[in-house]
Amino acid sequence: MGKLSIGKYAGLCVLGGEIAYTACLFYGTMLTGKVAELHHAIFELLPGFTWLGIGSFLAGALTIAVWSGLGGAYIAWMHNASIKEQAK
């Protein structure tokens, strides 16, 4: 496998993170009881997040985007750094 584009890989990680974030929020609206309390409490660990507010949704999405992008860039960088150059 060749070198990865850091920007493209990080962008795909952001996209995946946002899809997962939205799916988890949607799933959380269908929960009840103690499970819902736990699910909501875990989401409230995100900075600026309170359950079901538009500003809160955007703050959470921004947090997820930043961490997903940083993680994706780091993984692509580590992958590229680990590739040994072929002798010519």
PDB file of N, CA and C in Angstrom:
ATOM      1  N   MET A   1       0.843  -1.174   0.000  1.00  0.00           N
ATOM      2  CA  MET A   1       0.000   0.000   0.000  1.00  0.00           C
ATOM      3  C   MET A   1       0.887   1.235   0.000  1.00  0.00           C
ATOM      4  N   GLY A   2       0.561   2.214  -0.806  1.00  0.00           N
ATOM      5  CA  GLY A   2       1.350   3.435  -0.924  1.00  0.00           C
ATOM      6  C   GLY A   2       1.011   4.443   0.158  1.00  0.00           C
ATOM      7  N   LYS A   3       1.543   5.639  -0.026  1.00  0.00           N
ATOM      8  CA  LYS A   3       1.307   6.710   0.932  1.00  0.00           C
ATOM      9  C   LYS A   3      -0.142   7.192   0.863  1.00  0.00           C
ATOM     10  N   LEU A   4      -0.626   7.635   1.991  1.00  0.00           N
ATOM     11  CA  LEU A   4      -1.982   8.163   2.093  1.00  0.00           C
ATOM     12  C   LEU A   4      -1.947   9.683   2.004  1.00  0.00           C
ATOM     13  N   SER A   5      -2.965  10.260   1.413  1.00  0.00           N
ATOM     14  CA  SER A   5      -3.131  11.710   1.431  1.00  0.00           C
ATOM     15  C   SER A   5      -3.661  12.088   2.813  1.00  0.00           C
ATOM     16  N   ILE A   6      -2.876  12.861   3.547  1.00  0.00           N
ATOM     17  CA  ILE A   6      -3.272  13.205   4.911  1.00  0.00           C
ATOM     18  C   ILE A   6      -4.584  13.986   4.916  1.00  0.00           C
ATOM     19  N   GLY A   7      -4.714  14.958   4.012  1.00  0.00           N
ATOM     20  CA  GLY A   7      -5.939  15.759   3.965  1.00  0.00           C
ATOM     21  C   GLY A   7      -7.165  14.938   3.617  1.00  0.00           C
ATOM     22  N   LYS A   8      -7.032  14.074   2.626  1.00  0.00           N
ATOM     23  CA  LYS A   8      -8.169  13.251   2.211  1.00  0.00           C
ATOM     24  C   LYS A   8      -8.545  12.256   3.312  1.00  0.00           C
ATOM     25  N   TYR A   9      -7.548  11.631   3.929  1.00  0.00           N
ATOM     26  CA  TYR A   9      -7.818  10.656   4.980  1.00  0.00           C
ATOM     27  C   TYR A   9      -8.471  11.332   6.188  1.00  0.00           C
ATOM     28  N   ALA A  10      -7.939  12.499   6.579  1.00  0.00           N
ATOM     29  CA  ALA A  10      -8.519  13.232   7.707  1.00  0.00           C
ATOM     30  C   ALA A  10      -9.947  13.655   7.384  1.00  0.00           C
ATOM     31  N   GLY A  11     -10.201  14.092   6.149  1.00  0.00           N
ATOM     32  CA  GLY A  11     -11.551  14.480   5.744  1.00  0.00           C
ATOM     33  C   GLY A  11     -12.530  13.326   5.801  1.00  0.00           C
ATOM     34  N   LEU A  12     -12.077  12.154   5.386  1.00  0.00           N
ATOM     35  CA  LEU A  12     -12.946  10.976   5.454  1.00  0.00           C
ATOM     36  C   LEU A  12     -13.223  10.577   6.901  1.00  0.00           C
ATOM     37  N   CYS A  13     -12.245  10.748   7.766  1.00  0.00           N
ATOM     38  CA  CYS A  13     -12.461  10.465   9.190  1.00  0.00           C
ATOM     39  C   CYS A  13     -13.470  11.441   9.782  1.00  0.00           C
ATOM     40  N   VAL A  14     -13.400  12.709   9.383  1.00  0.00           N
ATOM     41  CA  VAL A  14     -14.375  13.709   9.841  1.00  0.00           C
ATOM     42  C   VAL A  14     -15.776  13.319   9.367  1.00  0.00           C
ATOM     43  N   LEU A  15     -15.901  12.952   8.107  1.00  0.00           N
ATOM     44  CA  LEU A  15     -17.197  12.540   7.570  1.00  0.00           C
ATOM     45  C   LEU A  15     -17.754  11.348   8.350  1.00  0.00           C
ATOM     46  N   GLY A  16     -16.929  10.345   8.576  1.00  0.00           N
ATOM     47  CA  GLY A  16     -17.362   9.171   9.336  1.00  0.00           C
ATOM     48  C   GLY A  16     -17.743   9.521  10.759  1.00  0.00           C
ATOM     49  N   GLY A  17     -16.969  10.400  11.387  1.00  0.00           N
ATOM     50  CA  GLY A  17     -17.273  10.821  12.755  1.00  0.00           C
ATOM     51  C   GLY A  17     -18.600  11.558  12.843  1.00  0.00           C
ATOM     52  N   GLU A  18     -18.865  12.418  11.862  1.00  0.00           N
ATOM     53  CA  GLU A  18     -20.123  13.171  11.864  1.00  0.00           C
ATOM     54  C   GLU A  18     -21.321  12.265  11.611  1.00  0.00           C
ATOM     55  N   ILE A  19     -21.159  11.283  10.746  1.00  0.00           N
ATOM     56  CA  ILE A  19     -22.249  10.327  10.497  1.00  0.00           C
ATOM     57  C   ILE A  19     -22.537   9.529  11.763  1.00  0.00           C
ATOM     58  N   ALA A  20     -21.493   9.052  12.429  1.00  0.00           N
ATOM     59  CA  ALA A  20     -21.673   8.290  13.666  1.00  0.00           C
ATOM     60  C   ALA A  20     -22.289   9.160  14.759  1.00  0.00           C
ATOM     61  N   TYR A  21     -21.838  10.404  14.871  1.00  0.00           N
ATOM     62  CA  TYR A  21     -22.362  11.351  15.871  1.00  0.00           C
ATOM     63  C   TYR A  21     -23.864  11.564  15.665  1.00  0.00           C
ATOM     64  N   THR A  22     -24.260  11.823  14.437  1.00  0.00           N
ATOM     65  CA  THR A  22     -25.669  12.059  14.134  1.00  0.00           C
ATOM     66  C   THR A  22     -26.508  10.806  14.379  1.00  0.00           C
ATOM     67  N   ALA A  23     -25.979   9.655  13.975  1.00  0.00           N
ATOM     68  CA  ALA A  23     -26.708   8.399  14.190  1.00  0.00           C
ATOM     69  C   ALA A  23     -26.883   8.121  15.686  1.00  0.00           C
ATOM     70  N   CYS A  24     -25.854   8.376  16.476  1.00  0.00           N
ATOM     71  CA  CYS A  24     -25.951   8.147  17.920  1.00  0.00           C
ATOM     72  C   CYS A  24     -26.934   9.111  18.580  1.00  0.00           C
ATOM     73  N   LEU A  25     -26.949  10.363  18.125  1.00  0.00           N
ATOM     74  CA  LEU A  25     -27.931  11.308  18.661  1.00  0.00           C
ATOM     75  C   LEU A  25     -29.357  10.867  18.316  1.00  0.00           C
ATOM     76  N   PHE A  26     -29.559  10.454  17.083  1.00  0.00           N
ATOM     77  CA  PHE A  26     -30.881   9.982  16.671  1.00  0.00           C
ATOM     78  C   PHE A  26     -31.296   8.770  17.497  1.00  0.00           C
ATOM     79  N   TYR A  27     -30.379   7.832  17.674  1.00  0.00           N
ATOM     80  CA  TYR A  27     -30.659   6.636  18.476  1.00  0.00           C
ATOM     81  C   TYR A  27     -31.011   7.023  19.918  1.00  0.00           C
ATOM     82  N   GLY A  28     -30.305   8.021  20.449  1.00  0.00           N
ATOM     83  CA  GLY A  28     -30.542   8.456  21.820  1.00  0.00           C
ATOM     84  C   GLY A  28     -31.928   9.023  22.051  1.00  0.00           C
ATOM     85  N   THR A  29     -32.562   9.547  21.007  1.00  0.00           N
ATOM     86  CA  THR A  29     -33.918  10.079  21.167  1.00  0.00           C
ATOM     87  C   THR A  29     -34.953   8.970  21.300  1.00  0.00           C
ATOM     88  N   MET A  30     -34.585   7.745  20.956  1.00  0.00           N
ATOM     89  CA  MET A  30     -35.529   6.629  21.032  1.00  0.00           C
ATOM     90  C   MET A  30     -35.399   5.832  22.326  1.00  0.00           C
ATOM     91  N   LEU A  31     -34.432   6.167  23.161  1.00  0.00           N
ATOM     92  CA  LEU A  31     -34.203   5.430  24.397  1.00  0.00           C
ATOM     93  C   LEU A  31     -35.073   5.965  25.518  1.00  0.00           C
ATOM     94  N   THR A  32     -35.315   5.118  26.517  1.00  0.00           N
ATOM     95  CA  THR A  32     -36.088   5.531  27.684  1.00  0.00           C
ATOM     96  C   THR A  32     -35.408   5.014  28.943  1.00  0.00           C
ATOM     97  N   GLY A  33     -35.792   5.570  30.072  1.00  0.00           N
ATOM     98  CA  GLY A  33     -35.338   5.084  31.369  1.00  0.00           C
ATOM     99  C   GLY A  33     -33.866   5.332  31.643  1.00  0.00           C
ATOM    100  N   LYS A  34     -33.277   4.410  32.392  1.00  0.00           N
ATOM    101  CA  LYS A  34     -31.878   4.531  32.814  1.00  0.00           C
ATOM    102  C   LYS A  34     -30.916   4.527  31.636  1.00  0.00           C
ATOM    103  N   VAL A  35     -31.259   3.790  30.595  1.00  0.00           N
ATOM    104  CA  VAL A  35     -30.398   3.733  29.409  1.00  0.00           C
ATOM    105  C   VAL A  35     -30.327   5.109  28.750  1.00  0.00           C
ATOM    106  N   ALA A  36     -31.445   5.799  28.676  1.00  0.00           N
ATOM    107  CA  ALA A  36     -31.469   7.144  28.103  1.00  0.00           C
ATOM    108  C   ALA A  36     -30.655   8.105  28.959  1.00  0.00           C
ATOM    109  N   GLU A  37     -30.781   7.981  30.283  1.00  0.00           N
ATOM    110  CA  GLU A  37     -29.999   8.847  31.183  1.00  0.00           C
ATOM    111  C   GLU A  37     -28.507   8.656  30.965  1.00  0.00           C
ATOM    112  N   LEU A  38     -28.074   7.413  30.842  1.00  0.00           N
ATOM    113  CA  LEU A  38     -26.659   7.125  30.623  1.00  0.00           C
ATOM    114  C   LEU A  38     -26.204   7.655  29.265  1.00  0.00           C
ATOM    115  N   HIS A  39     -26.986   7.415  28.239  1.00  0.00           N
ATOM    116  CA  HIS A  39     -26.654   7.866  26.890  1.00  0.00           C
ATOM    117  C   HIS A  39     -26.521   9.393  26.854  1.00  0.00           C
ATOM    118  N   HIS A  40     -27.460  10.077  27.485  1.00  0.00           N
ATOM    119  CA  HIS A  40     -27.433  11.540  27.517  1.00  0.00           C
ATOM    120  C   HIS A  40     -26.240  12.038  28.325  1.00  0.00           C
ATOM    121  N   ALA A  41     -25.943  11.379  29.445  1.00  0.00           N
ATOM    122  CA  ALA A  41     -24.822  11.792  30.285  1.00  0.00           C
ATOM    123  C   ALA A  41     -23.485  11.643  29.545  1.00  0.00           C
ATOM    124  N   ILE A  42     -23.357  10.603  28.749  1.00  0.00           N
ATOM    125  CA  ILE A  42     -22.115  10.405  27.991  1.00  0.00           C
ATOM    126  C   ILE A  42     -21.956  11.518  26.953  1.00  0.00           C
ATOM    127  N   PHE A  43     -23.021  11.889  26.275  1.00  0.00           N
ATOM    128  CA  PHE A  43     -22.946  12.972  25.286  1.00  0.00           C
ATOM    129  C   PHE A  43     -22.634  14.302  25.947  1.00  0.00           C
ATOM    130  N   GLU A  44     -23.091  14.496  27.182  1.00  0.00           N
ATOM    131  CA  GLU A  44     -22.846  15.754  27.871  1.00  0.00           C
ATOM    132  C   GLU A  44     -21.395  15.912  28.307  1.00  0.00           C
ATOM    133  N   LEU A  45     -20.568  14.899  28.058  1.00  0.00           N
ATOM    134  CA  LEU A  45     -19.125  15.036  28.284  1.00  0.00           C
ATOM    135  C   LEU A  45     -18.469  15.891  27.201  1.00  0.00           C
ATOM    136  N   LEU A  46     -19.153  16.041  26.055  1.00  0.00           N
ATOM    137  CA  LEU A  46     -18.646  16.910  24.999  1.00  0.00           C
ATOM    138  C   LEU A  46     -18.755  18.362  25.459  1.00  0.00           C
ATOM    139  N   PRO A  47     -17.720  19.180  25.227  1.00  0.00           N
ATOM    140  CA  PRO A  47     -17.765  20.582  25.662  1.00  0.00           C
ATOM    141  C   PRO A  47     -18.938  21.340  25.026  1.00  0.00           C
ATOM    142  N   GLY A  48     -19.713  22.030  25.851  1.00  0.00           N
ATOM    143  CA  GLY A  48     -20.812  22.844  25.359  1.00  0.00           C
ATOM    144  C   GLY A  48     -22.058  22.078  24.970  1.00  0.00           C
ATOM    145  N   PHE A  49     -22.112  20.779  25.246  1.00  0.00           N
ATOM    146  CA  PHE A  49     -23.249  19.966  24.803  1.00  0.00           C
ATOM    147  C   PHE A  49     -24.297  19.859  25.899  1.00  0.00           C
ATOM    148  N   THR A  50     -25.537  20.189  25.551  1.00  0.00           N
ATOM    149  CA  THR A  50     -26.706  19.882  26.371  1.00  0.00           C
ATOM    150  C   THR A  50     -27.688  19.182  25.432  1.00  0.00           C
ATOM    151  N   TRP A  51     -28.476  18.319  25.950  1.00  0.00           N
ATOM    152  CA  TRP A  51     -29.275  17.441  25.102  1.00  0.00           C
ATOM    153  C   TRP A  51     -30.305  18.199  24.278  1.00  0.00           C
ATOM    154  N   LEU A  52     -30.310  17.977  22.979  1.00  0.00           N
ATOM    155  CA  LEU A  52     -31.281  18.441  21.999  1.00  0.00           C
ATOM    156  C   LEU A  52     -31.452  19.961  21.905  1.00  0.00           C
ATOM    157  N   GLY A  53     -30.346  20.646  21.721  1.00  0.00           N
ATOM    158  CA  GLY A  53     -30.374  22.067  21.389  1.00  0.00           C
ATOM    159  C   GLY A  53     -29.579  22.253  20.101  1.00  0.00           C
ATOM    160  N   ILE A  54     -29.985  23.172  19.235  1.00  0.00           N
ATOM    161  CA  ILE A  54     -29.302  23.321  17.952  1.00  0.00           C
ATOM    162  C   ILE A  54     -27.872  23.823  18.158  1.00  0.00           C
ATOM    163  N   GLY A  55     -27.681  24.764  19.065  1.00  0.00           N
ATOM    164  CA  GLY A  55     -26.328  25.233  19.359  1.00  0.00           C
ATOM    165  C   GLY A  55     -25.483  24.123  19.953  1.00  0.00           C
ATOM    166  N   SER A  56     -26.099  23.320  20.777  1.00  0.00           N
ATOM    167  CA  SER A  56     -25.421  22.192  21.393  1.00  0.00           C
ATOM    168  C   SER A  56     -25.039  21.148  20.345  1.00  0.00           C
ATOM    169  N   PHE A  57     -25.946  20.898  19.416  1.00  0.00           N
ATOM    170  CA  PHE A  57     -25.661  19.954  18.337  1.00  0.00           C
ATOM    171  C   PHE A  57     -24.451  20.422  17.533  1.00  0.00           C
ATOM    172  N   LEU A  58     -24.415  21.714  17.216  1.00  0.00           N
ATOM    173  CA  LEU A  58     -23.304  22.260  16.432  1.00  0.00           C
ATOM    174  C   LEU A  58     -21.994  22.242  17.222  1.00  0.00           C
ATOM    175  N   ALA A  59     -22.060  22.522  18.523  1.00  0.00           N
ATOM    176  CA  ALA A  59     -20.859  22.462  19.356  1.00  0.00           C
ATOM    177  C   ALA A  59     -20.315  21.035  19.397  1.00  0.00           C
ATOM    178  N   GLY A  60     -21.201  20.061  19.550  1.00  0.00           N
ATOM    179  CA  GLY A  60     -20.786  18.662  19.544  1.00  0.00           C
ATOM    180  C   GLY A  60     -20.224  18.241  18.205  1.00  0.00           C
ATOM    181  N   ALA A  61     -20.870  18.690  17.122  1.00  0.00           N
ATOM    182  CA  ALA A  61     -20.398  18.354  15.774  1.00  0.00           C
ATOM    183  C   ALA A  61     -19.012  18.939  15.533  1.00  0.00           C
ATOM    184  N   LEU A  62     -18.787  20.165  16.000  1.00  0.00           N
ATOM    185  CA  LEU A  62     -17.469  20.787  15.846  1.00  0.00           C
ATOM    186  C   LEU A  62     -16.408  20.016  16.634  1.00  0.00           C
ATOM    187  N   THR A  63     -16.742  19.628  17.852  1.00  0.00           N
ATOM    188  CA  THR A  63     -15.803  18.854  18.670  1.00  0.00           C
ATOM    189  C   THR A  63     -15.459  17.529  18.005  1.00  0.00           C
ATOM    190  N   ILE A  64     -16.475  16.829  17.512  1.00  0.00           N
ATOM    191  CA  ILE A  64     -16.252  15.552  16.832  1.00  0.00           C
ATOM    192  C   ILE A  64     -15.412  15.753  15.572  1.00  0.00           C
ATOM    193  N   ALA A  65     -15.682  16.816  14.819  1.00  0.00           N
ATOM    194  CA  ALA A  65     -14.933  17.087  13.591  1.00  0.00           C
ATOM    195  C   ALA A  65     -13.457  17.337  13.898  1.00  0.00           C
ATOM    196  N   VAL A  66     -13.194  18.130  14.919  1.00  0.00           N
ATOM    197  CA  VAL A  66     -11.800  18.441  15.266  1.00  0.00           C
ATOM    198  C   VAL A  66     -11.053  17.182  15.676  1.00  0.00           C
ATOM    199  N   TRP A  67     -11.633  16.409  16.582  1.00  0.00           N
ATOM    200  CA  TRP A  67     -10.943  15.201  17.066  1.00  0.00           C
ATOM    201  C   TRP A  67     -10.830  14.138  15.975  1.00  0.00           C
ATOM    202  N   SER A  68     -11.843  13.997  15.146  1.00  0.00           N
ATOM    203  CA  SER A  68     -11.773  13.027  14.041  1.00  0.00           C
ATOM    204  C   SER A  68     -10.711  13.437  13.032  1.00  0.00           C
ATOM    205  N   GLY A  69     -10.670  14.723  12.712  1.00  0.00           N
ATOM    206  CA  GLY A  69      -9.662  15.219  11.775  1.00  0.00           C
ATOM    207  C   GLY A  69      -8.247  15.047  12.296  1.00  0.00           C
ATOM    208  N   LEU A  70      -8.048  15.390  13.563  1.00  0.00           N
ATOM    209  CA  LEU A  70      -6.725  15.210  14.166  1.00  0.00           C
ATOM    210  C   LEU A  70      -6.326  13.734  14.202  1.00  0.00           C
ATOM    211  N   GLY A  71      -7.261  12.884  14.573  1.00  0.00           N
ATOM    212  CA  GLY A  71      -6.981  11.444  14.607  1.00  0.00           C
ATOM    213  C   GLY A  71      -6.662  10.901  13.232  1.00  0.00           C
ATOM    214  N   GLY A  72      -7.437  11.297  12.235  1.00  0.00           N
ATOM    215  CA  GLY A  72      -7.199  10.843  10.869  1.00  0.00           C
ATOM    216  C   GLY A  72      -5.863  11.324  10.330  1.00  0.00           C
ATOM    217  N   ALA A  73      -5.529  12.587  10.596  1.00  0.00           N
ATOM    218  CA  ALA A  73      -4.241  13.132  10.143  1.00  0.00           C
ATOM    219  C   ALA A  73      -3.078  12.401  10.812  1.00  0.00           C
ATOM    220  N   TYR A  74      -3.223  12.106  12.091  1.00  0.00           N
ATOM    221  CA  TYR A  74      -2.161  11.390  12.813  1.00  0.00           C
ATOM    222  C   TYR A  74      -1.982   9.970  12.269  1.00  0.00           C
ATOM    223  N   ILE A  75      -3.078   9.287  12.037  1.00  0.00           N
ATOM    224  CA  ILE A  75      -2.997   7.916  11.514  1.00  0.00           C
ATOM    225  C   ILE A  75      -2.348   7.908  10.131  1.00  0.00           C
ATOM    226  N   ALA A  76      -2.759   8.828   9.252  1.00  0.00           N
ATOM    227  CA  ALA A  76      -2.169   8.890   7.908  1.00  0.00           C
ATOM    228  C   ALA A  76      -0.693   9.252   7.984  1.00  0.00           C
ATOM    229  N   TRP A  77      -0.331  10.187   8.848  1.00  0.00           N
ATOM    230  CA  TRP A  77       1.071  10.575   9.016  1.00  0.00           C
ATOM    231  C   TRP A  77       1.912   9.393   9.506  1.00  0.00           C
ATOM    232  N   MET A  78       1.391   8.670  10.500  1.00  0.00           N
ATOM    233  CA  MET A  78       2.120   7.501  11.026  1.00  0.00           C
ATOM    234  C   MET A  78       2.257   6.432   9.941  1.00  0.00           C
ATOM    235  N   HIS A  79       1.218   6.234   9.159  1.00  0.00           N
ATOM    236  CA  HIS A  79       1.284   5.259   8.077  1.00  0.00           C
ATOM    237  C   HIS A  79       2.366   5.666   7.082  1.00  0.00           C
ATOM    238  N   ASN A  80       2.333   6.924   6.662  1.00  0.00           N
ATOM    239  CA  ASN A  80       3.317   7.401   5.687  1.00  0.00           C
ATOM    240  C   ASN A  80       4.740   7.344   6.228  1.00  0.00           C
ATOM    241  N   ALA A  81       4.909   7.625   7.502  1.00  0.00           N
ATOM    242  CA  ALA A  81       6.237   7.606   8.118  1.00  0.00           C
ATOM    243  C   ALA A  81       6.787   6.181   8.241  1.00  0.00           C
ATOM    244  N   SER A  82       5.893   5.213   8.270  1.00  0.00           N
ATOM    245  CA  SER A  82       6.338   3.834   8.452  1.00  0.00           C
ATOM    246  C   SER A  82       6.710   3.126   7.147  1.00  0.00           C
ATOM    247  N   ILE A  83       6.407   3.759   6.013  1.00  0.00           N
ATOM    248  CA  ILE A  83       6.703   3.139   4.725  1.00  0.00           C
ATOM    249  C   ILE A  83       8.194   3.282   4.440  1.00  0.00           C
ATOM    250  N   LYS A  84       8.814   2.166   4.123  1.00  0.00           N
ATOM    251  CA  LYS A  84      10.239   2.193   3.778  1.00  0.00           C
ATOM    252  C   LYS A  84      10.379   2.485   2.301  1.00  0.00           C
ATOM    253  N   GLU A  85      11.332   3.337   1.968  1.00  0.00           N
ATOM    254  CA  GLU A  85      11.591   3.685   0.571  1.00  0.00           C
ATOM    255  C   GLU A  85      12.204   2.477  -0.148  1.00  0.00           C
ATOM    256  N   GLN A  86      11.761   2.228  -1.373  1.00  0.00           N
ATOM    257  CA  GLN A  86      12.311   1.144  -2.193  1.00  0.00           C
ATOM    258  C   GLN A  86      13.656   1.585  -2.741  1.00  0.00           C
ATOM    259  N   ALA A  87      14.630   0.697  -2.692  1.00  0.00           N
ATOM    260  CA  ALA A  87      15.935   0.987  -3.281  1.00  0.00           C
ATOM    261  C   ALA A  87      15.818   0.987  -4.806  1.00  0.00           C
ATOM    262  N   LYS A  88      16.452   1.978  -5.449  1.00  0.00           N
ATOM    263  CA  LYS A  88      16.355   2.082  -6.911  1.00  0.00           C
ATOM    264  C   LYS A  88      17.547   1.459  -7.574  1.00  0.00           C
TER     265      LYS A  88
END
